Structures are given as C-alpha cells and as structure tokens.
N, C-alpha and C. Protein backbone atom coordinates (compact mmCIF):
# COMPACT_ATOMS: atom_id res chain seq x y z
N UNK A 1 -42.03 -7.33 9.38
CA UNK A 1 -42.05 -7.50 10.81
C UNK A 1 -43.50 -7.59 11.29
N UNK A 2 -43.80 -8.60 12.08
CA UNK A 2 -45.15 -8.81 12.57
C UNK A 2 -45.42 -7.90 13.77
N UNK A 3 -46.59 -7.27 13.76
CA UNK A 3 -47.01 -6.43 14.88
C UNK A 3 -47.80 -7.30 15.86
N UNK A 4 -47.33 -7.40 17.08
CA UNK A 4 -48.01 -8.20 18.09
C UNK A 4 -48.93 -7.33 18.92
N UNK A 5 -50.11 -7.84 19.15
CA UNK A 5 -51.10 -7.12 19.95
C UNK A 5 -51.41 -7.91 21.21
N UNK A 6 -51.83 -7.21 22.23
CA UNK A 6 -52.34 -7.87 23.42
C UNK A 6 -53.85 -7.95 23.27
N UNK A 7 -54.35 -9.14 22.99
CA UNK A 7 -55.78 -9.31 22.78
C UNK A 7 -56.49 -9.53 24.11
N UNK A 8 -57.62 -8.89 24.27
CA UNK A 8 -58.39 -8.97 25.51
C UNK A 8 -59.36 -10.15 25.49
N UNK A 9 -60.09 -10.33 24.40
CA UNK A 9 -61.13 -11.34 24.32
C UNK A 9 -60.84 -12.36 23.22
N UNK A 10 -61.43 -13.54 23.36
CA UNK A 10 -61.34 -14.56 22.32
C UNK A 10 -62.74 -15.11 22.06
N UNK A 11 -62.91 -15.77 20.94
CA UNK A 11 -64.20 -16.34 20.57
C UNK A 11 -64.68 -17.29 21.67
N UNK A 12 -65.94 -17.13 22.05
CA UNK A 12 -66.54 -17.96 23.09
C UNK A 12 -66.58 -17.31 24.46
N UNK A 13 -65.81 -16.24 24.66
CA UNK A 13 -65.83 -15.54 25.95
C UNK A 13 -67.20 -14.93 26.20
N UNK A 14 -67.62 -14.95 27.46
CA UNK A 14 -68.85 -14.27 27.88
C UNK A 14 -68.47 -12.93 28.48
N UNK A 15 -69.27 -11.90 28.18
CA UNK A 15 -68.95 -10.55 28.62
C UNK A 15 -70.21 -9.81 29.07
N UNK A 16 -70.00 -8.75 29.83
CA UNK A 16 -71.05 -7.79 30.16
C UNK A 16 -70.46 -6.40 29.95
N UNK A 17 -71.35 -5.43 29.78
CA UNK A 17 -70.91 -4.03 29.69
C UNK A 17 -71.33 -3.36 30.98
N UNK A 18 -70.36 -2.82 31.73
CA UNK A 18 -70.66 -2.28 33.05
C UNK A 18 -71.51 -1.01 33.00
N UNK A 19 -71.55 -0.33 31.86
CA UNK A 19 -72.36 0.88 31.73
C UNK A 19 -73.74 0.62 31.12
N UNK A 20 -73.93 -0.57 30.53
CA UNK A 20 -75.20 -0.92 29.88
C UNK A 20 -75.66 -2.30 30.32
N UNK A 21 -76.00 -2.47 31.60
CA UNK A 21 -76.43 -3.79 32.07
C UNK A 21 -77.69 -4.29 31.37
N UNK A 22 -78.47 -3.38 30.80
CA UNK A 22 -79.70 -3.78 30.11
C UNK A 22 -79.40 -4.60 28.85
N UNK A 23 -78.17 -4.58 28.36
CA UNK A 23 -77.80 -5.40 27.20
C UNK A 23 -77.77 -6.88 27.57
N UNK A 24 -77.54 -7.19 28.85
CA UNK A 24 -77.44 -8.57 29.29
C UNK A 24 -76.04 -9.13 29.04
N UNK A 25 -75.94 -10.43 29.11
CA UNK A 25 -74.67 -11.11 28.87
C UNK A 25 -74.46 -11.26 27.37
N UNK A 26 -73.23 -11.06 26.94
CA UNK A 26 -72.89 -11.23 25.53
C UNK A 26 -71.89 -12.34 25.34
N UNK A 27 -71.86 -12.88 24.13
CA UNK A 27 -70.87 -13.91 23.79
C UNK A 27 -70.09 -13.44 22.57
N UNK A 28 -68.77 -13.57 22.66
CA UNK A 28 -67.91 -13.22 21.52
C UNK A 28 -68.11 -14.30 20.46
N UNK A 29 -68.62 -13.90 19.29
CA UNK A 29 -68.91 -14.86 18.23
C UNK A 29 -67.88 -14.82 17.11
N UNK A 30 -67.07 -13.77 17.06
CA UNK A 30 -66.05 -13.67 16.02
C UNK A 30 -64.94 -12.74 16.48
N UNK A 31 -63.72 -13.09 16.11
CA UNK A 31 -62.56 -12.26 16.41
C UNK A 31 -61.74 -12.13 15.14
N UNK A 32 -61.42 -10.89 14.76
CA UNK A 32 -60.61 -10.68 13.56
C UNK A 32 -59.42 -9.80 13.91
N UNK A 33 -58.32 -10.07 13.22
CA UNK A 33 -57.10 -9.31 13.46
C UNK A 33 -56.42 -9.03 12.12
N UNK A 34 -56.11 -7.77 11.87
CA UNK A 34 -55.43 -7.39 10.64
C UNK A 34 -54.01 -7.92 10.64
N UNK A 35 -53.53 -8.31 9.47
CA UNK A 35 -52.14 -8.76 9.35
C UNK A 35 -51.22 -7.59 9.04
N UNK A 36 -51.78 -6.42 8.79
CA UNK A 36 -50.99 -5.23 8.49
C UNK A 36 -50.60 -4.50 9.77
N UNK A 37 -49.38 -4.00 9.80
CA UNK A 37 -48.94 -3.21 10.95
C UNK A 37 -49.85 -1.99 11.07
N UNK A 38 -50.32 -1.74 12.26
CA UNK A 38 -51.22 -0.61 12.48
C UNK A 38 -52.67 -0.91 12.19
N UNK A 39 -52.95 -2.10 11.67
CA UNK A 39 -54.34 -2.49 11.38
C UNK A 39 -55.08 -2.81 12.66
N UNK A 40 -56.38 -2.90 12.56
CA UNK A 40 -57.20 -3.12 13.74
C UNK A 40 -57.43 -4.57 14.07
N UNK A 41 -57.93 -4.79 15.26
CA UNK A 41 -58.40 -6.12 15.66
C UNK A 41 -59.71 -5.90 16.42
N UNK A 42 -60.70 -6.68 16.05
CA UNK A 42 -62.05 -6.45 16.55
C UNK A 42 -62.70 -7.75 16.98
N UNK A 43 -63.70 -7.63 17.84
CA UNK A 43 -64.54 -8.76 18.20
C UNK A 43 -65.99 -8.38 17.95
N UNK A 44 -66.77 -9.39 17.54
CA UNK A 44 -68.21 -9.22 17.40
C UNK A 44 -68.84 -9.94 18.58
N UNK A 45 -69.73 -9.22 19.27
CA UNK A 45 -70.39 -9.76 20.46
C UNK A 45 -71.89 -9.68 20.27
N UNK A 46 -72.58 -10.80 20.48
CA UNK A 46 -74.04 -10.77 20.45
C UNK A 46 -74.53 -10.83 21.89
N UNK A 47 -75.37 -9.86 22.24
CA UNK A 47 -75.87 -9.73 23.60
C UNK A 47 -77.28 -10.31 23.72
N UNK A 48 -77.72 -10.50 24.95
CA UNK A 48 -79.05 -11.06 25.21
C UNK A 48 -80.17 -10.20 24.66
N UNK A 49 -79.92 -8.91 24.46
CA UNK A 49 -80.96 -8.04 23.89
C UNK A 49 -81.12 -8.26 22.39
N UNK A 50 -80.29 -9.15 21.81
CA UNK A 50 -80.41 -9.51 20.41
C UNK A 50 -79.53 -8.71 19.47
N UNK A 51 -78.85 -7.69 19.97
CA UNK A 51 -78.01 -6.86 19.10
C UNK A 51 -76.58 -7.40 19.01
N UNK A 52 -76.03 -7.28 17.81
CA UNK A 52 -74.63 -7.62 17.56
C UNK A 52 -73.84 -6.32 17.61
N UNK A 53 -72.81 -6.29 18.44
CA UNK A 53 -71.99 -5.09 18.58
C UNK A 53 -70.54 -5.44 18.32
N UNK A 54 -69.81 -4.49 17.74
CA UNK A 54 -68.41 -4.70 17.37
C UNK A 54 -67.53 -3.79 18.21
N UNK A 55 -66.46 -4.37 18.76
CA UNK A 55 -65.57 -3.63 19.64
C UNK A 55 -64.11 -3.83 19.24
N UNK A 56 -63.29 -2.82 19.54
CA UNK A 56 -61.84 -2.94 19.39
C UNK A 56 -61.35 -3.91 20.47
N UNK A 57 -60.40 -4.79 20.11
CA UNK A 57 -59.96 -5.84 21.03
C UNK A 57 -58.47 -5.75 21.38
N UNK A 58 -57.81 -4.65 21.08
CA UNK A 58 -56.37 -4.50 21.32
C UNK A 58 -56.14 -3.75 22.63
N UNK A 59 -55.66 -4.46 23.67
CA UNK A 59 -55.43 -3.83 24.97
C UNK A 59 -54.40 -2.71 24.92
N UNK A 60 -53.58 -2.68 23.89
CA UNK A 60 -52.60 -1.60 23.77
C UNK A 60 -53.19 -0.35 23.13
N UNK A 61 -54.44 -0.42 22.70
CA UNK A 61 -55.11 0.72 22.10
C UNK A 61 -55.99 1.41 23.13
N UNK A 62 -56.01 2.73 23.09
CA UNK A 62 -56.89 3.48 24.01
C UNK A 62 -58.36 3.26 23.67
N UNK A 63 -58.64 2.67 22.51
CA UNK A 63 -60.01 2.40 22.08
C UNK A 63 -60.47 0.98 22.41
N UNK A 64 -59.64 0.22 23.14
CA UNK A 64 -59.99 -1.16 23.49
C UNK A 64 -61.31 -1.20 24.27
N UNK A 65 -62.10 -2.22 24.00
CA UNK A 65 -63.41 -2.36 24.65
C UNK A 65 -63.29 -2.43 26.17
N UNK A 66 -62.17 -2.92 26.69
CA UNK A 66 -62.00 -2.98 28.14
C UNK A 66 -62.11 -1.59 28.76
N UNK A 67 -61.49 -0.60 28.12
CA UNK A 67 -61.49 0.76 28.66
C UNK A 67 -62.84 1.45 28.51
N UNK A 68 -63.74 0.86 27.72
CA UNK A 68 -65.08 1.41 27.55
C UNK A 68 -66.13 0.64 28.34
N UNK A 69 -65.71 -0.37 29.13
CA UNK A 69 -66.64 -1.01 30.04
C UNK A 69 -66.96 -2.47 29.80
N UNK A 70 -66.35 -3.10 28.81
CA UNK A 70 -66.58 -4.53 28.59
C UNK A 70 -65.74 -5.33 29.59
N UNK A 71 -66.38 -6.30 30.25
CA UNK A 71 -65.68 -7.16 31.20
C UNK A 71 -66.06 -8.61 30.95
N UNK A 72 -65.09 -9.51 31.10
CA UNK A 72 -65.38 -10.94 31.01
C UNK A 72 -66.18 -11.35 32.23
N UNK A 73 -67.07 -12.32 32.04
CA UNK A 73 -67.93 -12.76 33.14
C UNK A 73 -68.21 -14.25 33.01
N UNK A 74 -68.87 -14.79 34.05
CA UNK A 74 -69.31 -16.18 33.97
C UNK A 74 -70.73 -16.22 33.41
N UNK A 75 -71.32 -17.41 33.34
CA UNK A 75 -72.65 -17.56 32.73
C UNK A 75 -73.76 -16.88 33.53
N UNK A 76 -73.46 -16.47 34.77
CA UNK A 76 -74.44 -15.75 35.60
C UNK A 76 -74.24 -14.24 35.55
N UNK A 77 -73.24 -13.79 34.81
CA UNK A 77 -72.97 -12.36 34.70
C UNK A 77 -72.02 -11.83 35.75
N UNK A 78 -71.46 -12.72 36.57
CA UNK A 78 -70.50 -12.28 37.59
C UNK A 78 -69.16 -11.97 36.92
N UNK A 79 -68.67 -10.76 37.15
CA UNK A 79 -67.44 -10.29 36.51
C UNK A 79 -66.24 -10.96 37.15
N UNK A 80 -65.32 -11.43 36.29
CA UNK A 80 -64.06 -12.00 36.77
C UNK A 80 -63.16 -10.89 37.26
N UNK A 81 -62.54 -11.08 38.38
CA UNK A 81 -61.60 -10.09 38.93
C UNK A 81 -60.20 -10.58 38.77
C-alpha cells in the first residue's frame, strides 16, 4: 500500500524563512520522497547567504518546514498568502 503525503514544496519554488530573514530568498533545488511507508520526504534549499539547508516537506508531519517558518514567496521575497 502506497503512503500518500501532502507535499508543501516542489523543485524550483522560491522560499523565505520568517524567523531568519538574513538568509535571504532560497530556491528548492531538490526534492526527495521515500517509497517506504513512514519514510521521510525532504527538500534541499539553497539560500542567498550561500548555505544549503535541508527541510522536512510533509505537511502531515509536525516537523514540516512550514511549521518552522518556511514560506513560499515571489522573486522579491513577498510571501504568498
């Protein structure tokens, strides 16, 4: 039986972190999803500060990056509502 997840981000999305504006705008450069039930799904985001950060991408998980402050935005950093 396949486990379906609600994914928050996809490759190419632009994001900001509401608690760390100094990171700048980030772009999702990779998205991975485990095929095993209970496995994780993650995104890799490279931010303007040059750092690559990895976040949980499952909206059904309490560890999802959305709940920790990641928001989708436009190229100017304006958060989508």
